[in-house]
């Protein structure tokens, strides 16, 4: 139970930081997952490729065993073995 409270607390802290810094997006590693905050749309989803549209670019993630662990309107957690990640404008 304490771990869940800590995870929720860290998410709240990251959301506050993003609000205060007024960023268009935020990408980091969280619990061995790729955390993307403020994405627009999910363009492609497979176990080898995930393509996410953000405000200024498309984020292309390539690897194996890729999956979306958690997702809501503004953020997602991607799990798997990431071999390559690039920005496409």
PDB file of N, CA and C in Angstrom:
ATOM      1  N   UNK A   1       0.811  -1.194   0.000  1.00  0.00           N
ATOM      2  CA  UNK A   1       0.000   0.000   0.000  1.00  0.00           C
ATOM      3  C   UNK A   1       0.858   1.263   0.000  1.00  0.00           C
ATOM      4  N   UNK A   2       1.963   1.259   0.728  1.00  0.00           N
ATOM      5  CA  UNK A   2       2.831   2.434   0.767  1.00  0.00           C
ATOM      6  C   UNK A   2       3.429   2.729  -0.599  1.00  0.00           C
ATOM      7  N   UNK A   3       3.720   1.673  -1.374  1.00  0.00           N
ATOM      8  CA  UNK A   3       4.290   1.862  -2.709  1.00  0.00           C
ATOM      9  C   UNK A   3       3.293   2.589  -3.611  1.00  0.00           C
ATOM     10  N   UNK A   4       2.017   2.235  -3.525  1.00  0.00           N
ATOM     11  CA  UNK A   4       0.997   2.882  -4.344  1.00  0.00           C
ATOM     12  C   UNK A   4       0.893   4.360  -3.976  1.00  0.00           C
ATOM     13  N   UNK A   5       0.909   4.671  -2.709  1.00  0.00           N
ATOM     14  CA  UNK A   5       0.845   6.067  -2.268  1.00  0.00           C
ATOM     15  C   UNK A   5       2.049   6.835  -2.791  1.00  0.00           C
ATOM     16  N   UNK A   6       3.249   6.228  -2.719  1.00  0.00           N
ATOM     17  CA  UNK A   6       4.467   6.882  -3.206  1.00  0.00           C
ATOM     18  C   UNK A   6       4.391   7.128  -4.710  1.00  0.00           C
ATOM     19  N   UNK A   7       3.903   6.143  -5.477  1.00  0.00           N
ATOM     20  CA  UNK A   7       3.780   6.296  -6.925  1.00  0.00           C
ATOM     21  C   UNK A   7       2.808   7.424  -7.246  1.00  0.00           C
ATOM     22  N   UNK A   8       1.670   7.470  -6.562  1.00  0.00           N
ATOM     23  CA  UNK A   8       0.710   8.555  -6.786  1.00  0.00           C
ATOM     24  C   UNK A   8       1.317   9.907  -6.418  1.00  0.00           C
ATOM     25  N   UNK A   9       2.063   9.955  -5.336  1.00  0.00           N
ATOM     26  CA  UNK A   9       2.718  11.193  -4.917  1.00  0.00           C
ATOM     27  C   UNK A   9       3.710  11.659  -5.980  1.00  0.00           C
ATOM     28  N   UNK A  10       4.518  10.736  -6.518  1.00  0.00           N
ATOM     29  CA  UNK A  10       5.505  11.102  -7.543  1.00  0.00           C
ATOM     30  C   UNK A  10       4.804  11.593  -8.810  1.00  0.00           C
ATOM     31  N   UNK A  11       3.686  10.987  -9.160  1.00  0.00           N
ATOM     32  CA  UNK A  11       2.941  11.429 -10.339  1.00  0.00           C
ATOM     33  C   UNK A  11       2.411  12.848 -10.118  1.00  0.00           C
ATOM     34  N   UNK A  12       1.904  13.124  -8.942  1.00  0.00           N
ATOM     35  CA  UNK A  12       1.416  14.467  -8.619  1.00  0.00           C
ATOM     36  C   UNK A  12       2.554  15.478  -8.716  1.00  0.00           C
ATOM     37  N   UNK A  13       3.722  15.124  -8.187  1.00  0.00           N
ATOM     38  CA  UNK A  13       4.893  16.013  -8.248  1.00  0.00           C
ATOM     39  C   UNK A  13       5.266  16.290  -9.705  1.00  0.00           C
ATOM     40  N   UNK A  14       5.298  15.255 -10.539  1.00  0.00           N
ATOM     41  CA  UNK A  14       5.650  15.456 -11.952  1.00  0.00           C
ATOM     42  C   UNK A  14       4.615  16.336 -12.653  1.00  0.00           C
ATOM     43  N   UNK A  15       3.347  16.142 -12.345  1.00  0.00           N
ATOM     44  CA  UNK A  15       2.309  16.973 -12.952  1.00  0.00           C
ATOM     45  C   UNK A  15       2.449  18.434 -12.530  1.00  0.00           C
ATOM     46  N   UNK A  16       2.763  18.668 -11.282  1.00  0.00           N
ATOM     47  CA  UNK A  16       2.971  20.040 -10.796  1.00  0.00           C
ATOM     48  C   UNK A  16       4.191  20.661 -11.472  1.00  0.00           C
ATOM     49  N   UNK A  17       5.277  19.883 -11.588  1.00  0.00           N
ATOM     50  CA  UNK A  17       6.472  20.398 -12.262  1.00  0.00           C
ATOM     51  C   UNK A  17       6.147  20.771 -13.701  1.00  0.00           C
ATOM     52  N   UNK A  18       5.431  19.913 -14.388  1.00  0.00           N
ATOM     53  CA  UNK A  18       5.074  20.183 -15.778  1.00  0.00           C
ATOM     54  C   UNK A  18       4.219  21.444 -15.878  1.00  0.00           C
ATOM     55  N   UNK A  19       3.261  21.605 -14.976  1.00  0.00           N
ATOM     56  CA  UNK A  19       2.416  22.790 -14.969  1.00  0.00           C
ATOM     57  C   UNK A  19       3.236  24.048 -14.720  1.00  0.00           C
ATOM     58  N   UNK A  20       4.111  23.997 -13.734  1.00  0.00           N
ATOM     59  CA  UNK A  20       4.905  25.177 -13.382  1.00  0.00           C
ATOM     60  C   UNK A  20       5.918  25.526 -14.463  1.00  0.00           C
ATOM     61  N   UNK A  21       6.463  24.522 -15.119  1.00  0.00           N
ATOM     62  CA  UNK A  21       7.447  24.774 -16.172  1.00  0.00           C
ATOM     63  C   UNK A  21       6.780  25.072 -17.510  1.00  0.00           C
ATOM     64  N   UNK A  22       5.466  24.848 -17.590  1.00  0.00           N
ATOM     65  CA  UNK A  22       4.686  25.110 -18.800  1.00  0.00           C
ATOM     66  C   UNK A  22       5.297  24.427 -20.027  1.00  0.00           C
ATOM     67  N   UNK A  23       5.591  23.169 -19.904  1.00  0.00           N
ATOM     68  CA  UNK A  23       6.156  22.400 -21.001  1.00  0.00           C
ATOM     69  C   UNK A  23       5.048  21.865 -21.891  1.00  0.00           C
ATOM     70  N   UNK A  24       5.363  21.709 -23.170  1.00  0.00           N
ATOM     71  CA  UNK A  24       4.408  21.125 -24.105  1.00  0.00           C
ATOM     72  C   UNK A  24       4.361  19.603 -23.981  1.00  0.00           C
ATOM     73  N   UNK A  25       5.433  19.007 -23.488  1.00  0.00           N
ATOM     74  CA  UNK A  25       5.479  17.560 -23.295  1.00  0.00           C
ATOM     75  C   UNK A  25       6.534  17.248 -22.240  1.00  0.00           C
ATOM     76  N   UNK A  26       6.501  16.010 -21.772  1.00  0.00           N
ATOM     77  CA  UNK A  26       7.481  15.556 -20.787  1.00  0.00           C
ATOM     78  C   UNK A  26       7.684  14.066 -21.005  1.00  0.00           C
ATOM     79  N   UNK A  27       8.942  13.645 -21.158  1.00  0.00           N
ATOM     80  CA  UNK A  27       9.265  12.239 -21.383  1.00  0.00           C
ATOM     81  C   UNK A  27      10.341  11.845 -20.384  1.00  0.00           C
ATOM     82  N   UNK A  28      10.112  10.738 -19.659  1.00  0.00           N
ATOM     83  CA  UNK A  28      11.119  10.241 -18.728  1.00  0.00           C
ATOM     84  C   UNK A  28      10.937   8.742 -18.520  1.00  0.00           C
ATOM     85  N   UNK A  29      11.846   8.164 -17.759  1.00  0.00           N
ATOM     86  CA  UNK A  29      11.743   6.757 -17.388  1.00  0.00           C
ATOM     87  C   UNK A  29      11.111   6.686 -16.006  1.00  0.00           C
ATOM     88  N   UNK A  30      10.134   5.797 -15.845  1.00  0.00           N
ATOM     89  CA  UNK A  30       9.411   5.655 -14.583  1.00  0.00           C
ATOM     90  C   UNK A  30       9.098   4.175 -14.378  1.00  0.00           C
ATOM     91  N   UNK A  31       9.613   3.578 -13.309  1.00  0.00           N
ATOM     92  CA  UNK A  31       9.394   2.145 -13.018  1.00  0.00           C
ATOM     93  C   UNK A  31       9.749   1.253 -14.206  1.00  0.00           C
ATOM     94  N   UNK A  32      10.902   1.490 -14.814  1.00  0.00           N
ATOM     95  CA  UNK A  32      11.371   0.743 -15.991  1.00  0.00           C
ATOM     96  C   UNK A  32      10.430   0.853 -17.184  1.00  0.00           C
ATOM     97  N   UNK A  33       9.688   1.935 -17.236  1.00  0.00           N
ATOM     98  CA  UNK A  33       8.793   2.209 -18.354  1.00  0.00           C
ATOM     99  C   UNK A  33       9.091   3.599 -18.900  1.00  0.00           C
ATOM    100  N   UNK A  34       8.773   3.798 -20.154  1.00  0.00           N
ATOM    101  CA  UNK A  34       8.883   5.119 -20.758  1.00  0.00           C
ATOM    102  C   UNK A  34       7.591   5.866 -20.451  1.00  0.00           C
ATOM    103  N   UNK A  35       7.708   7.004 -19.787  1.00  0.00           N
ATOM    104  CA  UNK A  35       6.559   7.817 -19.391  1.00  0.00           C
ATOM    105  C   UNK A  35       6.472   9.005 -20.329  1.00  0.00           C
ATOM    106  N   UNK A  36       5.338   9.154 -21.008  1.00  0.00           N
ATOM    107  CA  UNK A  36       5.116  10.273 -21.927  1.00  0.00           C
ATOM    108  C   UNK A  36       3.934  11.070 -21.411  1.00  0.00           C
ATOM    109  N   UNK A  37       4.164  12.355 -21.197  1.00  0.00           N
ATOM    110  CA  UNK A  37       3.107  13.227 -20.699  1.00  0.00           C
ATOM    111  C   UNK A  37       2.782  14.277 -21.748  1.00  0.00           C
ATOM    112  N   UNK A  38       1.527  14.497 -21.976  1.00  0.00           N
ATOM    113  CA  UNK A  38       0.980  15.430 -22.965  1.00  0.00           C
ATOM    114  C   UNK A  38       1.217  14.987 -24.401  1.00  0.00           C
ATOM    115  N   UNK A  39       0.763  13.795 -24.719  1.00  0.00           N
ATOM    116  CA  UNK A  39       0.760  13.346 -26.107  1.00  0.00           C
ATOM    117  C   UNK A  39      -0.584  13.731 -26.733  1.00  0.00           C
ATOM    118  N   UNK A  40      -0.621  13.809 -28.058  1.00  0.00           N
ATOM    119  CA  UNK A  40      -1.872  14.124 -28.761  1.00  0.00           C
ATOM    120  C   UNK A  40      -2.626  12.849 -29.140  1.00  0.00           C
ATOM    121  N   UNK A  41      -1.960  11.996 -29.926  1.00  0.00           N
ATOM    122  CA  UNK A  41      -2.615  10.769 -30.380  1.00  0.00           C
ATOM    123  C   UNK A  41      -1.614   9.620 -30.431  1.00  0.00           C
ATOM    124  N   UNK A  42      -2.141   8.430 -30.367  1.00  0.00           N
ATOM    125  CA  UNK A  42      -1.362   7.215 -30.556  1.00  0.00           C
ATOM    126  C   UNK A  42      -1.577   6.799 -32.007  1.00  0.00           C
ATOM    127  N   UNK A  43      -0.530   6.913 -32.831  1.00  0.00           N
ATOM    128  CA  UNK A  43      -0.667   6.635 -34.264  1.00  0.00           C
ATOM    129  C   UNK A  43      -0.511   5.165 -34.606  1.00  0.00           C
ATOM    130  N   UNK A  44       0.476   4.503 -33.997  1.00  0.00           N
ATOM    131  CA  UNK A  44       0.785   3.114 -34.312  1.00  0.00           C
ATOM    132  C   UNK A  44       1.054   2.356 -33.021  1.00  0.00           C
ATOM    133  N   UNK A  45       0.533   1.139 -32.950  1.00  0.00           N
ATOM    134  CA  UNK A  45       0.768   0.301 -31.776  1.00  0.00           C
ATOM    135  C   UNK A  45       0.965  -1.141 -32.215  1.00  0.00           C
ATOM    136  N   UNK A  46       2.174  -1.654 -32.002  1.00  0.00           N
ATOM    137  CA  UNK A  46       2.457  -3.077 -32.197  1.00  0.00           C
ATOM    138  C   UNK A  46       3.508  -3.470 -31.168  1.00  0.00           C
ATOM    139  N   UNK A  47       3.849  -4.736 -31.116  1.00  0.00           N
ATOM    140  CA  UNK A  47       4.855  -5.176 -30.141  1.00  0.00           C
ATOM    141  C   UNK A  47       6.265  -4.785 -30.558  1.00  0.00           C
ATOM    142  N   UNK A  48       6.422  -4.234 -31.789  1.00  0.00           N
ATOM    143  CA  UNK A  48       7.740  -3.827 -32.279  1.00  0.00           C
ATOM    144  C   UNK A  48       7.861  -2.314 -32.503  1.00  0.00           C
ATOM    145  N   UNK A  49       6.740  -1.636 -32.720  1.00  0.00           N
ATOM    146  CA  UNK A  49       6.759  -0.199 -33.014  1.00  0.00           C
ATOM    147  C   UNK A  49       5.583   0.492 -32.314  1.00  0.00           C
ATOM    148  N   UNK A  50       5.888   1.607 -31.664  1.00  0.00           N
ATOM    149  CA  UNK A  50       4.852   2.488 -31.128  1.00  0.00           C
ATOM    150  C   UNK A  50       5.179   3.892 -31.625  1.00  0.00           C
ATOM    151  N   UNK A  51       4.176   4.528 -32.215  1.00  0.00           N
ATOM    152  CA  UNK A  51       4.345   5.880 -32.749  1.00  0.00           C
ATOM    153  C   UNK A  51       3.338   6.791 -32.050  1.00  0.00           C
ATOM    154  N   UNK A  52       3.860   7.839 -31.411  1.00  0.00           N
ATOM    155  CA  UNK A  52       3.031   8.745 -30.618  1.00  0.00           C
ATOM    156  C   UNK A  52       3.191  10.157 -31.156  1.00  0.00           C
ATOM    157  N   UNK A  53       2.064  10.821 -31.444  1.00  0.00           N
ATOM    158  CA  UNK A  53       2.080  12.197 -31.926  1.00  0.00           C
ATOM    159  C   UNK A  53       2.044  13.138 -30.736  1.00  0.00           C
ATOM    160  N   UNK A  54       3.044  14.017 -30.669  1.00  0.00           N
ATOM    161  CA  UNK A  54       3.069  15.087 -29.684  1.00  0.00           C
ATOM    162  C   UNK A  54       2.848  16.403 -30.420  1.00  0.00           C
ATOM    163  N   UNK A  55       2.832  17.506 -29.725  1.00  0.00           N
ATOM    164  CA  UNK A  55       2.487  18.800 -30.335  1.00  0.00           C
ATOM    165  C   UNK A  55       3.381  19.162 -31.519  1.00  0.00           C
ATOM    166  N   UNK A  56       4.684  19.038 -31.356  1.00  0.00           N
ATOM    167  CA  UNK A  56       5.626  19.507 -32.370  1.00  0.00           C
ATOM    168  C   UNK A  56       6.243  18.398 -33.233  1.00  0.00           C
ATOM    169  N   UNK A  57       6.062  17.142 -32.850  1.00  0.00           N
ATOM    170  CA  UNK A  57       6.752  16.051 -33.544  1.00  0.00           C
ATOM    171  C   UNK A  57       6.060  14.717 -33.260  1.00  0.00           C
ATOM    172  N   UNK A  58       6.542  13.694 -33.952  1.00  0.00           N
ATOM    173  CA  UNK A  58       6.106  12.313 -33.714  1.00  0.00           C
ATOM    174  C   UNK A  58       7.255  11.590 -33.037  1.00  0.00           C
ATOM    175  N   UNK A  59       6.964  10.861 -31.975  1.00  0.00           N
ATOM    176  CA  UNK A  59       7.958  10.054 -31.280  1.00  0.00           C
ATOM    177  C   UNK A  59       7.801   8.623 -31.764  1.00  0.00           C
ATOM    178  N   UNK A  60       8.860   8.083 -32.374  1.00  0.00           N
ATOM    179  CA  UNK A  60       8.859   6.716 -32.888  1.00  0.00           C
ATOM    180  C   UNK A  60       9.707   5.863 -31.956  1.00  0.00           C
ATOM    181  N   UNK A  61       9.100   4.828 -31.388  1.00  0.00           N
ATOM    182  CA  UNK A  61       9.776   3.927 -30.460  1.00  0.00           C
ATOM    183  C   UNK A  61       9.829   2.559 -31.113  1.00  0.00           C
ATOM    184  N   UNK A  62      11.036   2.003 -31.227  1.00  0.00           N
ATOM    185  CA  UNK A  62      11.223   0.688 -31.840  1.00  0.00           C
ATOM    186  C   UNK A  62      11.857  -0.246 -30.823  1.00  0.00           C
ATOM    187  N   UNK A  63      11.436  -1.498 -30.832  1.00  0.00           N
ATOM    188  CA  UNK A  63      11.986  -2.466 -29.895  1.00  0.00           C
ATOM    189  C   UNK A  63      11.279  -3.793 -30.006  1.00  0.00           C
ATOM    190  N   UNK A  64      11.187  -4.489 -28.882  1.00  0.00           N
ATOM    191  CA  UNK A  64      10.479  -5.767 -28.846  1.00  0.00           C
ATOM    192  C   UNK A  64       9.671  -5.847 -27.557  1.00  0.00           C
ATOM    193  N   UNK A  65       8.631  -6.632 -27.609  1.00  0.00           N
ATOM    194  CA  UNK A  65       7.741  -6.824 -26.459  1.00  0.00           C
ATOM    195  C   UNK A  65       7.173  -5.492 -25.955  1.00  0.00           C
ATOM    196  N   UNK A  66       6.972  -4.538 -26.863  1.00  0.00           N
ATOM    197  CA  UNK A  66       6.439  -3.231 -26.483  1.00  0.00           C
ATOM    198  C   UNK A  66       4.944  -3.332 -26.194  1.00  0.00           C
ATOM    199  N   UNK A  67       4.518  -2.656 -25.155  1.00  0.00           N
ATOM    200  CA  UNK A  67       3.092  -2.589 -24.820  1.00  0.00           C
ATOM    201  C   UNK A  67       2.839  -1.329 -24.008  1.00  0.00           C
ATOM    202  N   UNK A  68       1.596  -0.932 -23.985  1.00  0.00           N
ATOM    203  CA  UNK A  68       1.204   0.214 -23.173  1.00  0.00           C
ATOM    204  C   UNK A  68       0.682  -0.334 -21.855  1.00  0.00           C
ATOM    205  N   UNK A  69       1.389  -0.013 -20.803  1.00  0.00           N
ATOM    206  CA  UNK A  69       1.052  -0.506 -19.472  1.00  0.00           C
ATOM    207  C   UNK A  69      -0.115   0.273 -18.871  1.00  0.00           C
ATOM    208  N   UNK A  70      -0.122   1.583 -19.108  1.00  0.00           N
ATOM    209  CA  UNK A  70      -1.177   2.438 -18.561  1.00  0.00           C
ATOM    210  C   UNK A  70      -1.327   3.644 -19.482  1.00  0.00           C
ATOM    211  N   UNK A  71      -2.552   4.159 -19.576  1.00  0.00           N
ATOM    212  CA  UNK A  71      -2.795   5.250 -20.514  1.00  0.00           C
ATOM    213  C   UNK A  71      -4.039   6.017 -20.076  1.00  0.00           C
ATOM    214  N   UNK A  72      -3.983   7.339 -20.188  1.00  0.00           N
ATOM    215  CA  UNK A  72      -5.182   8.157 -20.030  1.00  0.00           C
ATOM    216  C   UNK A  72      -5.155   9.255 -21.086  1.00  0.00           C
ATOM    217  N   UNK A  73      -5.945  10.293 -20.921  1.00  0.00           N
ATOM    218  CA  UNK A  73      -6.076  11.327 -21.958  1.00  0.00           C
ATOM    219  C   UNK A  73      -4.787  12.076 -22.255  1.00  0.00           C
ATOM    220  N   UNK A  74      -3.879  12.187 -21.270  1.00  0.00           N
ATOM    221  CA  UNK A  74      -2.697  13.021 -21.460  1.00  0.00           C
ATOM    222  C   UNK A  74      -1.375  12.287 -21.278  1.00  0.00           C
ATOM    223  N   UNK A  75      -1.385  11.103 -20.682  1.00  0.00           N
ATOM    224  CA  UNK A  75      -0.108  10.439 -20.435  1.00  0.00           C
ATOM    225  C   UNK A  75      -0.215   8.946 -20.623  1.00  0.00           C
ATOM    226  N   UNK A  76       0.950   8.331 -20.855  1.00  0.00           N
ATOM    227  CA  UNK A  76       1.001   6.877 -21.026  1.00  0.00           C
ATOM    228  C   UNK A  76       2.328   6.332 -20.513  1.00  0.00           C
ATOM    229  N   UNK A  77       2.299   5.048 -20.154  1.00  0.00           N
ATOM    230  CA  UNK A  77       3.494   4.310 -19.758  1.00  0.00           C
ATOM    231  C   UNK A  77       3.696   3.181 -20.754  1.00  0.00           C
ATOM    232  N   UNK A  78       4.879   3.144 -21.360  1.00  0.00           N
ATOM    233  CA  UNK A  78       5.206   2.122 -22.352  1.00  0.00           C
ATOM    234  C   UNK A  78       6.244   1.188 -21.748  1.00  0.00           C
ATOM    235  N   UNK A  79       5.966  -0.106 -21.827  1.00  0.00           N
ATOM    236  CA  UNK A  79       6.863  -1.112 -21.278  1.00  0.00           C
ATOM    237  C   UNK A  79       7.403  -1.971 -22.413  1.00  0.00           C
ATOM    238  N   UNK A  80       8.602  -2.478 -22.235  1.00  0.00           N
ATOM    239  CA  UNK A  80       9.197  -3.365 -23.221  1.00  0.00           C
ATOM    240  C   UNK A  80      10.680  -3.089 -23.371  1.00  0.00           C
ATOM    241  N   UNK A  81      11.267  -3.741 -24.337  1.00  0.00           N
ATOM    242  CA  UNK A  81      12.691  -3.553 -24.636  1.00  0.00           C
ATOM    243  C   UNK A  81      12.801  -2.503 -25.739  1.00  0.00           C
ATOM    244  N   UNK A  82      13.284  -1.322 -25.377  1.00  0.00           N
ATOM    245  CA  UNK A  82      13.393  -0.220 -26.337  1.00  0.00           C
ATOM    246  C   UNK A  82      14.791  -0.245 -26.949  1.00  0.00           C
ATOM    247  N   UNK A  83      14.838  -0.433 -28.262  1.00  0.00           N
ATOM    248  CA  UNK A  83      16.115  -0.458 -28.988  1.00  0.00           C
ATOM    249  C   UNK A  83      16.457   0.888 -29.606  1.00  0.00           C
ATOM    250  N   UNK A  84      15.426   1.642 -29.973  1.00  0.00           N
ATOM    251  CA  UNK A  84      15.657   2.899 -30.671  1.00  0.00           C
ATOM    252  C   UNK A  84      14.470   3.830 -30.413  1.00  0.00           C
ATOM    253  N   UNK A  85      14.777   5.103 -30.286  1.00  0.00           N
ATOM    254  CA  UNK A  85      13.743   6.106 -30.113  1.00  0.00           C
ATOM    255  C   UNK A  85      14.179   7.336 -30.896  1.00  0.00           C
ATOM    256  N   UNK A  86      13.278   7.902 -31.695  1.00  0.00           N
ATOM    257  CA  UNK A  86      13.651   9.090 -32.451  1.00  0.00           C
ATOM    258  C   UNK A  86      12.454  10.020 -32.636  1.00  0.00           C
ATOM    259  N   UNK A  87      12.789  11.278 -32.868  1.00  0.00           N
ATOM    260  CA  UNK A  87      11.801  12.309 -33.085  1.00  0.00           C
ATOM    261  C   UNK A  87      11.702  12.574 -34.582  1.00  0.00           C
ATOM    262  N   UNK A  88      10.476  12.635 -35.092  1.00  0.00           N
ATOM    263  CA  UNK A  88      10.246  12.922 -36.502  1.00  0.00           C
ATOM    264  C   UNK A  88       9.444  14.222 -36.570  1.00  0.00           C
ATOM    265  N   UNK A  89       9.988  15.212 -37.280  1.00  0.00           N
ATOM    266  CA  UNK A  89       9.287  16.501 -37.420  1.00  0.00           C
ATOM    267  C   UNK A  89       8.596  16.569 -38.755  1.00  0.00           C
TER     268      UNK A  89
END
